[in-house]
């Protein structure tokens, strides 16, 4: 049987696989208050931040028009909770500050020449 720490690392690894990501998001979100080093573990794991951002970006089409399902909402809330865990941890909060711009939908300015 896997130890508590081994399970946390297993779930972090499962975030990189879209087929296992949903369960991993749920389990890690449950542990975010009890695993004191979860934020650095997430931040320093290859591809984890990208997977969390992908979860957020994937729901953008469901925001307008408002077609977001409860299932999608729960999934993205778990991803946001894990990003919040990283953003609020003393070891990772400043490194994570650049992510804010990725998590906020922007309106495209037709007069802007930048994409």
PDB file of N, CA and C in Angstrom:
ATOM      1  N   UNK A   1       0.841  -1.186   0.000  1.00  0.00           N
ATOM      2  CA  UNK A   1       0.000   0.000   0.000  1.00  0.00           C
ATOM      3  C   UNK A   1       0.886   1.249   0.000  1.00  0.00           C
ATOM      4  N   UNK A   2       0.528   2.217  -0.821  1.00  0.00           N
ATOM      5  CA  UNK A   2       1.321   3.443  -0.950  1.00  0.00           C
ATOM      6  C   UNK A   2       1.131   4.330   0.279  1.00  0.00           C
ATOM      7  N   UNK A   3       2.225   4.968   0.688  1.00  0.00           N
ATOM      8  CA  UNK A   3       2.143   5.898   1.812  1.00  0.00           C
ATOM      9  C   UNK A   3       1.449   7.181   1.367  1.00  0.00           C
ATOM     10  N   UNK A   4       1.117   8.007   2.350  1.00  0.00           N
ATOM     11  CA  UNK A   4       0.450   9.290   2.080  1.00  0.00           C
ATOM     12  C   UNK A   4       1.274  10.130   1.094  1.00  0.00           C
ATOM     13  N   UNK A   5       2.573  10.241   1.343  1.00  0.00           N
ATOM     14  CA  UNK A   5       3.451  11.024   0.471  1.00  0.00           C
ATOM     15  C   UNK A   5       3.551  10.445  -0.929  1.00  0.00           C
ATOM     16  N   UNK A   6       3.600   9.119  -1.018  1.00  0.00           N
ATOM     17  CA  UNK A   6       3.666   8.471  -2.328  1.00  0.00           C
ATOM     18  C   UNK A   6       2.397   8.729  -3.129  1.00  0.00           C
ATOM     19  N   UNK A   7       1.263   8.739  -2.446  1.00  0.00           N
ATOM     20  CA  UNK A   7      -0.002   9.018  -3.133  1.00  0.00           C
ATOM     21  C   UNK A   7      -0.013  10.440  -3.677  1.00  0.00           C
ATOM     22  N   UNK A   8       0.492  11.382  -2.897  1.00  0.00           N
ATOM     23  CA  UNK A   8       0.531  12.776  -3.352  1.00  0.00           C
ATOM     24  C   UNK A   8       1.389  12.885  -4.604  1.00  0.00           C
ATOM     25  N   UNK A   9       2.565  12.261  -4.598  1.00  0.00           N
ATOM     26  CA  UNK A   9       3.422  12.298  -5.785  1.00  0.00           C
ATOM     27  C   UNK A   9       2.763  11.585  -6.962  1.00  0.00           C
ATOM     28  N   UNK A  10       2.057  10.504  -6.696  1.00  0.00           N
ATOM     29  CA  UNK A  10       1.354   9.789  -7.764  1.00  0.00           C
ATOM     30  C   UNK A  10       0.301  10.701  -8.400  1.00  0.00           C
ATOM     31  N   UNK A  11      -0.486  11.395  -7.556  1.00  0.00           N
ATOM     32  CA  UNK A  11      -1.519  12.291  -8.088  1.00  0.00           C
ATOM     33  C   UNK A  11      -0.896  13.447  -8.860  1.00  0.00           C
ATOM     34  N   UNK A  12       0.224  13.965  -8.388  1.00  0.00           N
ATOM     35  CA  UNK A  12       0.900  15.044  -9.125  1.00  0.00           C
ATOM     36  C   UNK A  12       1.318  14.540 -10.498  1.00  0.00           C
ATOM     37  N   UNK A  13       1.873  13.337 -10.561  1.00  0.00           N
ATOM     38  CA  UNK A  13       2.251  12.761 -11.858  1.00  0.00           C
ATOM     39  C   UNK A  13       1.032  12.536 -12.747  1.00  0.00           C
ATOM     40  N   UNK A  14      -0.091  12.185 -12.146  1.00  0.00           N
ATOM     41  CA  UNK A  14      -1.308  11.925 -12.916  1.00  0.00           C
ATOM     42  C   UNK A  14      -1.921  13.196 -13.500  1.00  0.00           C
ATOM     43  N   UNK A  15      -1.512  14.362 -13.022  1.00  0.00           N
ATOM     44  CA  UNK A  15      -2.006  15.613 -13.608  1.00  0.00           C
ATOM     45  C   UNK A  15      -1.568  15.768 -15.062  1.00  0.00           C
ATOM     46  N   UNK A  16      -0.460  15.158 -15.424  1.00  0.00           N
ATOM     47  CA  UNK A  16       0.040  15.305 -16.795  1.00  0.00           C
ATOM     48  C   UNK A  16      -0.715  14.440 -17.800  1.00  0.00           C
ATOM     49  N   UNK A  17      -1.526  13.521 -17.323  1.00  0.00           N
ATOM     50  CA  UNK A  17      -2.292  12.644 -18.199  1.00  0.00           C
ATOM     51  C   UNK A  17      -3.757  13.086 -18.180  1.00  0.00           C
ATOM     52  N   UNK A  18      -4.279  13.545 -19.323  1.00  0.00           N
ATOM     53  CA  UNK A  18      -5.681  13.995 -19.353  1.00  0.00           C
ATOM     54  C   UNK A  18      -6.681  12.941 -18.876  1.00  0.00           C
ATOM     55  N   UNK A  19      -6.351  11.659 -19.014  1.00  0.00           N
ATOM     56  CA  UNK A  19      -7.268  10.593 -18.607  1.00  0.00           C
ATOM     57  C   UNK A  19      -7.323  10.412 -17.087  1.00  0.00           C
ATOM     58  N   UNK A  20      -6.261  10.789 -16.391  1.00  0.00           N
ATOM     59  CA  UNK A  20      -6.226  10.627 -14.933  1.00  0.00           C
ATOM     60  C   UNK A  20      -6.269  11.969 -14.203  1.00  0.00           C
ATOM     61  N   UNK A  21      -6.297  13.041 -14.950  1.00  0.00           N
ATOM     62  CA  UNK A  21      -6.199  14.382 -14.364  1.00  0.00           C
ATOM     63  C   UNK A  21      -7.366  14.718 -13.439  1.00  0.00           C
ATOM     64  N   UNK A  22      -8.568  14.368 -13.823  1.00  0.00           N
ATOM     65  CA  UNK A  22      -9.732  14.765 -13.022  1.00  0.00           C
ATOM     66  C   UNK A  22      -9.660  14.206 -11.596  1.00  0.00           C
ATOM     67  N   UNK A  23      -9.350  12.928 -11.472  1.00  0.00           N
ATOM     68  CA  UNK A  23      -9.229  12.317 -10.144  1.00  0.00           C
ATOM     69  C   UNK A  23      -8.074  12.936  -9.374  1.00  0.00           C
ATOM     70  N   UNK A  24      -6.966  13.166 -10.056  1.00  0.00           N
ATOM     71  CA  UNK A  24      -5.805  13.775  -9.404  1.00  0.00           C
ATOM     72  C   UNK A  24      -6.130  15.179  -8.904  1.00  0.00           C
ATOM     73  N   UNK A  25      -6.846  15.954  -9.707  1.00  0.00           N
ATOM     74  CA  UNK A  25      -7.257  17.298  -9.283  1.00  0.00           C
ATOM     75  C   UNK A  25      -8.096  17.231  -8.011  1.00  0.00           C
ATOM     76  N   UNK A  26      -9.043  16.325  -7.995  1.00  0.00           N
ATOM     77  CA  UNK A  26      -9.934  16.187  -6.848  1.00  0.00           C
ATOM     78  C   UNK A  26      -9.157  15.788  -5.593  1.00  0.00           C
ATOM     79  N   UNK A  27      -8.315  14.771  -5.717  1.00  0.00           N
ATOM     80  CA  UNK A  27      -7.580  14.275  -4.547  1.00  0.00           C
ATOM     81  C   UNK A  27      -6.575  15.301  -4.032  1.00  0.00           C
ATOM     82  N   UNK A  28      -5.861  15.953  -4.931  1.00  0.00           N
ATOM     83  CA  UNK A  28      -4.894  16.969  -4.502  1.00  0.00           C
ATOM     84  C   UNK A  28      -5.595  18.176  -3.893  1.00  0.00           C
ATOM     85  N   UNK A  29      -6.729  18.535  -4.451  1.00  0.00           N
ATOM     86  CA  UNK A  29      -7.482  19.660  -3.901  1.00  0.00           C
ATOM     87  C   UNK A  29      -7.919  19.362  -2.467  1.00  0.00           C
ATOM     88  N   UNK A  30      -8.296  18.125  -2.205  1.00  0.00           N
ATOM     89  CA  UNK A  30      -8.671  17.722  -0.843  1.00  0.00           C
ATOM     90  C   UNK A  30      -7.488  17.824   0.119  1.00  0.00           C
ATOM     91  N   UNK A  31      -6.279  17.604  -0.393  1.00  0.00           N
ATOM     92  CA  UNK A  31      -5.084  17.556   0.455  1.00  0.00           C
ATOM     93  C   UNK A  31      -4.374  18.898   0.587  1.00  0.00           C
ATOM     94  N   UNK A  32      -4.835  19.920  -0.103  1.00  0.00           N
ATOM     95  CA  UNK A  32      -4.079  21.175  -0.144  1.00  0.00           C
ATOM     96  C   UNK A  32      -3.913  21.844   1.215  1.00  0.00           C
ATOM     97  N   UNK A  33      -4.824  21.584   2.147  1.00  0.00           N
ATOM     98  CA  UNK A  33      -4.726  22.179   3.487  1.00  0.00           C
ATOM     99  C   UNK A  33      -3.891  21.325   4.436  1.00  0.00           C
ATOM    100  N   UNK A  34      -3.717  20.054   4.131  1.00  0.00           N
ATOM    101  CA  UNK A  34      -3.024  19.151   5.055  1.00  0.00           C
ATOM    102  C   UNK A  34      -1.599  18.810   4.645  1.00  0.00           C
ATOM    103  N   UNK A  35      -1.263  18.986   3.383  1.00  0.00           N
ATOM    104  CA  UNK A  35       0.102  18.706   2.917  1.00  0.00           C
ATOM    105  C   UNK A  35       0.828  20.042   2.834  1.00  0.00           C
ATOM    106  N   UNK A  36       1.674  20.309   3.814  1.00  0.00           N
ATOM    107  CA  UNK A  36       2.277  21.644   3.942  1.00  0.00           C
ATOM    108  C   UNK A  36       3.176  22.020   2.770  1.00  0.00           C
ATOM    109  N   UNK A  37       3.809  21.056   2.141  1.00  0.00           N
ATOM    110  CA  UNK A  37       4.708  21.351   1.021  1.00  0.00           C
ATOM    111  C   UNK A  37       4.079  21.060  -0.335  1.00  0.00           C
ATOM    112  N   UNK A  38       2.770  21.015  -0.393  1.00  0.00           N
ATOM    113  CA  UNK A  38       2.113  20.712  -1.667  1.00  0.00           C
ATOM    114  C   UNK A  38       2.430  21.764  -2.724  1.00  0.00           C
ATOM    115  N   UNK A  39       2.421  23.035  -2.352  1.00  0.00           N
ATOM    116  CA  UNK A  39       2.680  24.100  -3.336  1.00  0.00           C
ATOM    117  C   UNK A  39       4.047  23.949  -4.004  1.00  0.00           C
ATOM    118  N   UNK A  40       5.145  23.823  -3.250  1.00  0.00           N
ATOM    119  CA  UNK A  40       6.436  23.618  -3.921  1.00  0.00           C
ATOM    120  C   UNK A  40       6.489  22.315  -4.714  1.00  0.00           C
ATOM    121  N   UNK A  41       5.801  21.291  -4.218  1.00  0.00           N
ATOM    122  CA  UNK A  41       5.774  20.023  -4.951  1.00  0.00           C
ATOM    123  C   UNK A  41       5.090  20.215  -6.306  1.00  0.00           C
ATOM    124  N   UNK A  42       3.987  20.945  -6.322  1.00  0.00           N
ATOM    125  CA  UNK A  42       3.283  21.216  -7.579  1.00  0.00           C
ATOM    126  C   UNK A  42       4.131  22.082  -8.495  1.00  0.00           C
ATOM    127  N   UNK A  43       4.679  23.172  -7.941  1.00  0.00           N
ATOM    128  CA  UNK A  43       5.438  24.131  -8.743  1.00  0.00           C
ATOM    129  C   UNK A  43       6.658  23.494  -9.391  1.00  0.00           C
ATOM    130  N   UNK A  44       7.328  22.615  -8.657  1.00  0.00           N
ATOM    131  CA  UNK A  44       8.577  22.019  -9.140  1.00  0.00           C
ATOM    132  C   UNK A  44       8.380  20.730  -9.921  1.00  0.00           C
ATOM    133  N   UNK A  45       7.158  20.317 -10.132  1.00  0.00           N
ATOM    134  CA  UNK A  45       6.875  19.115 -10.912  1.00  0.00           C
ATOM    135  C   UNK A  45       6.675  19.499 -12.373  1.00  0.00           C
ATOM    136  N   UNK A  46       7.392  18.825 -13.244  1.00  0.00           N
ATOM    137  CA  UNK A  46       7.362  19.142 -14.671  1.00  0.00           C
ATOM    138  C   UNK A  46       5.948  19.035 -15.238  1.00  0.00           C
ATOM    139  N   UNK A  47       5.502  20.100 -15.887  1.00  0.00           N
ATOM    140  CA  UNK A  47       4.236  20.109 -16.603  1.00  0.00           C
ATOM    141  C   UNK A  47       3.002  20.349 -15.752  1.00  0.00           C
ATOM    142  N   UNK A  48       3.164  20.412 -14.443  1.00  0.00           N
ATOM    143  CA  UNK A  48       1.997  20.537 -13.570  1.00  0.00           C
ATOM    144  C   UNK A  48       1.309  21.884 -13.718  1.00  0.00           C
ATOM    145  N   UNK A  49       2.072  22.951 -13.711  1.00  0.00           N
ATOM    146  CA  UNK A  49       1.473  24.281 -13.855  1.00  0.00           C
ATOM    147  C   UNK A  49       0.773  24.396 -15.206  1.00  0.00           C
ATOM    148  N   UNK A  50       1.389  23.859 -16.237  1.00  0.00           N
ATOM    149  CA  UNK A  50       0.770  23.884 -17.566  1.00  0.00           C
ATOM    150  C   UNK A  50      -0.543  23.104 -17.571  1.00  0.00           C
ATOM    151  N   UNK A  51      -0.577  21.978 -16.883  1.00  0.00           N
ATOM    152  CA  UNK A  51      -1.809  21.178 -16.819  1.00  0.00           C
ATOM    153  C   UNK A  51      -2.914  21.935 -16.089  1.00  0.00           C
ATOM    154  N   UNK A  52      -2.557  22.626 -15.011  1.00  0.00           N
ATOM    155  CA  UNK A  52      -3.554  23.405 -14.267  1.00  0.00           C
ATOM    156  C   UNK A  52      -4.080  24.559 -15.113  1.00  0.00           C
ATOM    157  N   UNK A  53      -3.184  25.234 -15.813  1.00  0.00           N
ATOM    158  CA  UNK A  53      -3.612  26.324 -16.696  1.00  0.00           C
ATOM    159  C   UNK A  53      -4.478  25.804 -17.836  1.00  0.00           C
ATOM    160  N   UNK A  54      -4.145  24.629 -18.352  1.00  0.00           N
ATOM    161  CA  UNK A  54      -4.940  24.033 -19.425  1.00  0.00           C
ATOM    162  C   UNK A  54      -6.374  23.778 -18.961  1.00  0.00           C
ATOM    163  N   UNK A  55      -6.532  23.349 -17.729  1.00  0.00           N
ATOM    164  CA  UNK A  55      -7.877  23.133 -17.180  1.00  0.00           C
ATOM    165  C   UNK A  55      -8.680  24.429 -17.190  1.00  0.00           C
ATOM    166  N   UNK A  56      -8.035  25.526 -16.851  1.00  0.00           N
ATOM    167  CA  UNK A  56      -8.718  26.823 -16.820  1.00  0.00           C
ATOM    168  C   UNK A  56      -9.056  27.283 -18.230  1.00  0.00           C
ATOM    169  N   UNK A  57      -8.101  27.189 -19.118  1.00  0.00           N
ATOM    170  CA  UNK A  57      -8.297  27.642 -20.493  1.00  0.00           C
ATOM    171  C   UNK A  57      -9.368  26.805 -21.200  1.00  0.00           C
ATOM    172  N   UNK A  58      -9.452  25.526 -20.869  1.00  0.00           N
ATOM    173  CA  UNK A  58     -10.430  24.643 -21.512  1.00  0.00           C
ATOM    174  C   UNK A  58     -11.878  25.059 -21.274  1.00  0.00           C
ATOM    175  N   UNK A  59     -12.150  25.779 -20.202  1.00  0.00           N
ATOM    176  CA  UNK A  59     -13.546  26.160 -19.930  1.00  0.00           C
ATOM    177  C   UNK A  59     -13.910  27.512 -20.530  1.00  0.00           C
ATOM    178  N   UNK A  60     -12.942  28.255 -21.061  1.00  0.00           N
ATOM    179  CA  UNK A  60     -13.241  29.573 -21.631  1.00  0.00           C
ATOM    180  C   UNK A  60     -14.402  29.550 -22.624  1.00  0.00           C
ATOM    181  N   UNK A  61     -14.459  28.586 -23.559  1.00  0.00           N
ATOM    182  CA  UNK A  61     -15.587  28.587 -24.506  1.00  0.00           C
ATOM    183  C   UNK A  61     -16.948  28.413 -23.826  1.00  0.00           C
ATOM    184  N   UNK A  62     -16.960  27.875 -22.629  1.00  0.00           N
ATOM    185  CA  UNK A  62     -18.229  27.656 -21.915  1.00  0.00           C
ATOM    186  C   UNK A  62     -18.653  28.851 -21.075  1.00  0.00           C
ATOM    187  N   UNK A  63     -17.820  29.878 -21.045  1.00  0.00           N
ATOM    188  CA  UNK A  63     -18.150  31.057 -20.242  1.00  0.00           C
ATOM    189  C   UNK A  63     -19.119  31.970 -20.982  1.00  0.00           C
ATOM    190  N   UNK A  64     -18.890  32.160 -22.261  1.00  0.00           N
ATOM    191  CA  UNK A  64     -19.740  33.056 -23.048  1.00  0.00           C
ATOM    192  C   UNK A  64     -20.007  32.418 -24.400  1.00  0.00           C
ATOM    193  N   UNK A  65     -21.182  31.926 -24.667  1.00  0.00           N
ATOM    194  CA  UNK A  65     -22.374  31.970 -23.820  1.00  0.00           C
ATOM    195  C   UNK A  65     -22.218  31.007 -22.641  1.00  0.00           C
ATOM    196  N   UNK A  66     -22.951  31.273 -21.604  1.00  0.00           N
ATOM    197  CA  UNK A  66     -22.842  30.520 -20.356  1.00  0.00           C
ATOM    198  C   UNK A  66     -23.387  29.103 -20.513  1.00  0.00           C
ATOM    199  N   UNK A  67     -22.490  28.172 -20.789  1.00  0.00           N
ATOM    200  CA  UNK A  67     -22.879  26.770 -20.944  1.00  0.00           C
ATOM    201  C   UNK A  67     -22.058  25.863 -20.031  1.00  0.00           C
ATOM    202  N   UNK A  68     -21.413  26.446 -19.051  1.00  0.00           N
ATOM    203  CA  UNK A  68     -20.560  25.699 -18.132  1.00  0.00           C
ATOM    204  C   UNK A  68     -21.404  24.727 -17.303  1.00  0.00           C
ATOM    205  N   UNK A  69     -21.024  23.458 -17.333  1.00  0.00           N
ATOM    206  CA  UNK A  69     -21.754  22.447 -16.562  1.00  0.00           C
ATOM    207  C   UNK A  69     -21.205  22.386 -15.133  1.00  0.00           C
ATOM    208  N   UNK A  70     -21.955  21.751 -14.255  1.00  0.00           N
ATOM    209  CA  UNK A  70     -21.493  21.574 -12.875  1.00  0.00           C
ATOM    210  C   UNK A  70     -20.202  20.756 -12.846  1.00  0.00           C
ATOM    211  N   UNK A  71     -20.113  19.772 -13.709  1.00  0.00           N
ATOM    212  CA  UNK A  71     -18.913  18.940 -13.796  1.00  0.00           C
ATOM    213  C   UNK A  71     -17.696  19.777 -14.185  1.00  0.00           C
ATOM    214  N   UNK A  72     -17.849  20.605 -15.223  1.00  0.00           N
ATOM    215  CA  UNK A  72     -16.755  21.483 -15.642  1.00  0.00           C
ATOM    216  C   UNK A  72     -16.396  22.470 -14.538  1.00  0.00           C
ATOM    217  N   UNK A  73     -17.404  22.994 -13.880  1.00  0.00           N
ATOM    218  CA  UNK A  73     -17.186  23.959 -12.810  1.00  0.00           C
ATOM    219  C   UNK A  73     -16.391  23.342 -11.661  1.00  0.00           C
ATOM    220  N   UNK A  74     -16.758  22.152 -11.243  1.00  0.00           N
ATOM    221  CA  UNK A  74     -16.030  21.474 -10.166  1.00  0.00           C
ATOM    222  C   UNK A  74     -14.585  21.214 -10.550  1.00  0.00           C
ATOM    223  N   UNK A  75     -14.393  20.792 -11.783  1.00  0.00           N
ATOM    224  CA  UNK A  75     -13.041  20.472 -12.248  1.00  0.00           C
ATOM    225  C   UNK A  75     -12.156  21.714 -12.267  1.00  0.00           C
ATOM    226  N   UNK A  76     -12.671  22.811 -12.805  1.00  0.00           N
ATOM    227  CA  UNK A  76     -11.868  24.028 -12.875  1.00  0.00           C
ATOM    228  C   UNK A  76     -11.677  24.630 -11.486  1.00  0.00           C
ATOM    229  N   UNK A  77     -12.655  24.479 -10.612  1.00  0.00           N
ATOM    230  CA  UNK A  77     -12.489  24.965  -9.231  1.00  0.00           C
ATOM    231  C   UNK A  77     -11.365  24.221  -8.523  1.00  0.00           C
ATOM    232  N   UNK A  78     -11.235  22.933  -8.774  1.00  0.00           N
ATOM    233  CA  UNK A  78     -10.127  22.170  -8.188  1.00  0.00           C
ATOM    234  C   UNK A  78      -8.785  22.653  -8.726  1.00  0.00           C
ATOM    235  N   UNK A  79      -8.720  22.931 -10.023  1.00  0.00           N
ATOM    236  CA  UNK A  79      -7.482  23.453 -10.609  1.00  0.00           C
ATOM    237  C   UNK A  79      -7.148  24.822 -10.028  1.00  0.00           C
ATOM    238  N   UNK A  80      -8.148  25.681  -9.906  1.00  0.00           N
ATOM    239  CA  UNK A  80      -7.930  27.012  -9.325  1.00  0.00           C
ATOM    240  C   UNK A  80      -7.506  26.924  -7.860  1.00  0.00           C
ATOM    241  N   UNK A  81      -8.071  25.989  -7.129  1.00  0.00           N
ATOM    242  CA  UNK A  81      -7.691  25.813  -5.721  1.00  0.00           C
ATOM    243  C   UNK A  81      -6.221  25.417  -5.607  1.00  0.00           C
ATOM    244  N   UNK A  82      -5.758  24.573  -6.511  1.00  0.00           N
ATOM    245  CA  UNK A  82      -4.351  24.172  -6.481  1.00  0.00           C
ATOM    246  C   UNK A  82      -3.443  25.328  -6.881  1.00  0.00           C
ATOM    247  N   UNK A  83      -3.863  26.114  -7.863  1.00  0.00           N
ATOM    248  CA  UNK A  83      -3.069  27.301  -8.222  1.00  0.00           C
ATOM    249  C   UNK A  83      -3.057  28.309  -7.077  1.00  0.00           C
ATOM    250  N   UNK A  84      -4.167  28.442  -6.390  1.00  0.00           N
ATOM    251  CA  UNK A  84      -4.218  29.345  -5.237  1.00  0.00           C
ATOM    252  C   UNK A  84      -3.277  28.854  -4.141  1.00  0.00           C
ATOM    253  N   UNK A  85      -3.192  27.556  -3.965  1.00  0.00           N
ATOM    254  CA  UNK A  85      -2.274  26.961  -3.003  1.00  0.00           C
ATOM    255  C   UNK A  85      -0.835  27.363  -3.340  1.00  0.00           C
ATOM    256  N   UNK A  86      -0.479  27.281  -4.615  1.00  0.00           N
ATOM    257  CA  UNK A  86       0.858  27.674  -5.066  1.00  0.00           C
ATOM    258  C   UNK A  86       1.060  29.176  -4.888  1.00  0.00           C
ATOM    259  N   UNK A  87       0.049  29.951  -5.243  1.00  0.00           N
ATOM    260  CA  UNK A  87       0.163  31.414  -5.181  1.00  0.00           C
ATOM    261  C   UNK A  87       0.257  31.939  -3.755  1.00  0.00           C
ATOM    262  N   UNK A  88      -0.239  31.202  -2.788  1.00  0.00           N
ATOM    263  CA  UNK A  88      -0.244  31.701  -1.414  1.00  0.00           C
ATOM    264  C   UNK A  88       0.877  31.120  -0.551  1.00  0.00           C
ATOM    265  N   UNK A  89       1.622  30.177  -1.070  1.00  0.00           N
ATOM    266  CA  UNK A  89       2.700  29.562  -0.291  1.00  0.00           C
ATOM    267  C   UNK A  89       3.925  30.475  -0.296  1.00  0.00           C
ATOM    268  N   UNK A  90       4.589  30.659   0.851  1.00  0.00           N
ATOM    269  CA  UNK A  90       5.735  31.579   0.920  1.00  0.00           C
ATOM    270  C   UNK A  90       6.877  31.241  -0.040  1.00  0.00           C
ATOM    271  N   UNK A  91       7.071  29.965  -0.347  1.00  0.00           N
ATOM    272  CA  UNK A  91       8.170  29.574  -1.233  1.00  0.00           C
ATOM    273  C   UNK A  91       7.849  29.769  -2.708  1.00  0.00           C
ATOM    274  N   UNK A  92       6.578  29.837  -3.058  1.00  0.00           N
ATOM    275  CA  UNK A  92       6.212  29.864  -4.479  1.00  0.00           C
ATOM    276  C   UNK A  92       5.397  31.078  -4.887  1.00  0.00           C
ATOM    277  N   UNK A  93       4.987  31.909  -3.948  1.00  0.00           N
ATOM    278  CA  UNK A  93       4.044  32.989  -4.295  1.00  0.00           C
ATOM    279  C   UNK A  93       4.611  33.970  -5.309  1.00  0.00           C
ATOM    280  N   UNK A  94       5.879  34.327  -5.212  1.00  0.00           N
ATOM    281  CA  UNK A  94       6.427  35.311  -6.147  1.00  0.00           C
ATOM    282  C   UNK A  94       6.701  34.699  -7.511  1.00  0.00           C
ATOM    283  N   UNK A  95       7.029  33.435  -7.537  1.00  0.00           N
ATOM    284  CA  UNK A  95       7.254  32.761  -8.820  1.00  0.00           C
ATOM    285  C   UNK A  95       5.949  32.610  -9.589  1.00  0.00           C
ATOM    286  N   UNK A  96       4.878  32.478  -8.864  1.00  0.00           N
ATOM    287  CA  UNK A  96       3.568  32.224  -9.463  1.00  0.00           C
ATOM    288  C   UNK A  96       2.867  33.502  -9.916  1.00  0.00           C
ATOM    289  N   UNK A  97       3.365  34.649  -9.556  1.00  0.00           N
ATOM    290  CA  UNK A  97       2.657  35.902  -9.841  1.00  0.00           C
ATOM    291  C   UNK A  97       2.468  36.158 -11.335  1.00  0.00           C
ATOM    292  N   UNK A  98       3.334  35.603 -12.171  1.00  0.00           N
ATOM    293  CA  UNK A  98       3.209  35.824 -13.613  1.00  0.00           C
ATOM    294  C   UNK A  98       2.038  35.051 -14.213  1.00  0.00           C
ATOM    295  N   UNK A  99       1.509  34.098 -13.502  1.00  0.00           N
ATOM    296  CA  UNK A  99       0.423  33.266 -14.026  1.00  0.00           C
ATOM    297  C   UNK A  99      -0.900  34.008 -14.049  1.00  0.00           C
ATOM    298  N   UNK A 100      -1.056  35.026 -13.221  1.00  0.00           N
ATOM    299  CA  UNK A 100      -2.337  35.731 -13.127  1.00  0.00           C
ATOM    300  C   UNK A 100      -2.851  36.165 -14.496  1.00  0.00           C
ATOM    301  N   UNK A 101      -1.963  36.656 -15.341  1.00  0.00           N
ATOM    302  CA  UNK A 101      -2.403  37.123 -16.656  1.00  0.00           C
ATOM    303  C   UNK A 101      -2.917  35.984 -17.532  1.00  0.00           C
ATOM    304  N   UNK A 102      -2.478  34.770 -17.267  1.00  0.00           N
ATOM    305  CA  UNK A 102      -2.938  33.623 -18.051  1.00  0.00           C
ATOM    306  C   UNK A 102      -4.316  33.149 -17.625  1.00  0.00           C
ATOM    307  N   UNK A 103      -4.696  33.447 -16.400  1.00  0.00           N
ATOM    308  CA  UNK A 103      -5.956  32.919 -15.879  1.00  0.00           C
ATOM    309  C   UNK A 103      -7.118  33.888 -16.016  1.00  0.00           C
ATOM    310  N   UNK A 104      -6.867  35.069 -16.563  1.00  0.00           N
ATOM    311  CA  UNK A 104      -7.932  36.051 -16.726  1.00  0.00           C
ATOM    312  C   UNK A 104      -8.225  36.243 -18.210  1.00  0.00           C
ATOM    313  N   UNK A 105      -9.437  35.919 -18.637  1.00  0.00           N
ATOM    314  CA  UNK A 105      -9.774  36.109 -20.050  1.00  0.00           C
ATOM    315  C   UNK A 105      -9.640  37.578 -20.433  1.00  0.00           C
ATOM    316  N   UNK A 106      -9.147  37.799 -21.616  1.00  0.00           N
ATOM    317  CA  UNK A 106      -8.985  39.171 -22.098  1.00  0.00           C
ATOM    318  C   UNK A 106      -9.903  39.401 -23.283  1.00  0.00           C
ATOM    319  N   UNK A 107     -10.388  40.615 -23.367  1.00  0.00           N
ATOM    320  CA  UNK A 107     -11.148  41.001 -24.548  1.00  0.00           C
ATOM    321  C   UNK A 107     -10.145  41.463 -25.593  1.00  0.00           C
ATOM    322  N   UNK A 108     -10.368  41.045 -26.778  1.00  0.00           N
ATOM    323  CA  UNK A 108      -9.478  41.415 -27.858  1.00  0.00           C
ATOM    324  C   UNK A 108      -9.834  42.807 -28.350  1.00  0.00           C
ATOM    325  N   UNK A 109      -8.847  43.658 -28.420  1.00  0.00           N
ATOM    326  CA  UNK A 109      -9.023  45.026 -28.894  1.00  0.00           C
ATOM    327  C   UNK A 109      -8.799  45.028 -30.402  1.00  0.00           C
ATOM    328  N   UNK A 110      -9.839  45.302 -31.191  1.00  0.00           N
ATOM    329  CA  UNK A 110      -9.700  45.261 -32.648  1.00  0.00           C
ATOM    330  C   UNK A 110      -8.671  46.257 -33.173  1.00  0.00           C
ATOM    331  N   UNK A 111      -8.417  47.331 -32.444  1.00  0.00           N
ATOM    332  CA  UNK A 111      -7.455  48.321 -32.921  1.00  0.00           C
ATOM    333  C   UNK A 111      -6.023  47.943 -32.580  1.00  0.00           C
ATOM    334  N   UNK A 112      -5.849  46.913 -31.748  1.00  0.00           N
ATOM    335  CA  UNK A 112      -4.511  46.496 -31.354  1.00  0.00           C
ATOM    336  C   UNK A 112      -3.869  45.687 -32.467  1.00  0.00           C
ATOM    337  N   UNK A 113      -2.583  45.877 -32.652  1.00  0.00           N
ATOM    338  CA  UNK A 113      -1.860  45.115 -33.666  1.00  0.00           C
ATOM    339  C   UNK A 113      -1.182  43.905 -33.061  1.00  0.00           C
ATOM    340  N   UNK A 114      -1.253  43.774 -31.743  1.00  0.00           N
ATOM    341  CA  UNK A 114      -0.635  42.629 -31.071  1.00  0.00           C
ATOM    342  C   UNK A 114      -1.639  41.495 -30.951  1.00  0.00           C
ATOM    343  N   UNK A 115      -1.172  40.269 -31.049  1.00  0.00           N
ATOM    344  CA  UNK A 115      -2.036  39.090 -30.869  1.00  0.00           C
ATOM    345  C   UNK A 115      -1.732  38.431 -29.568  1.00  0.00           C
TER     346      UNK A 115
END
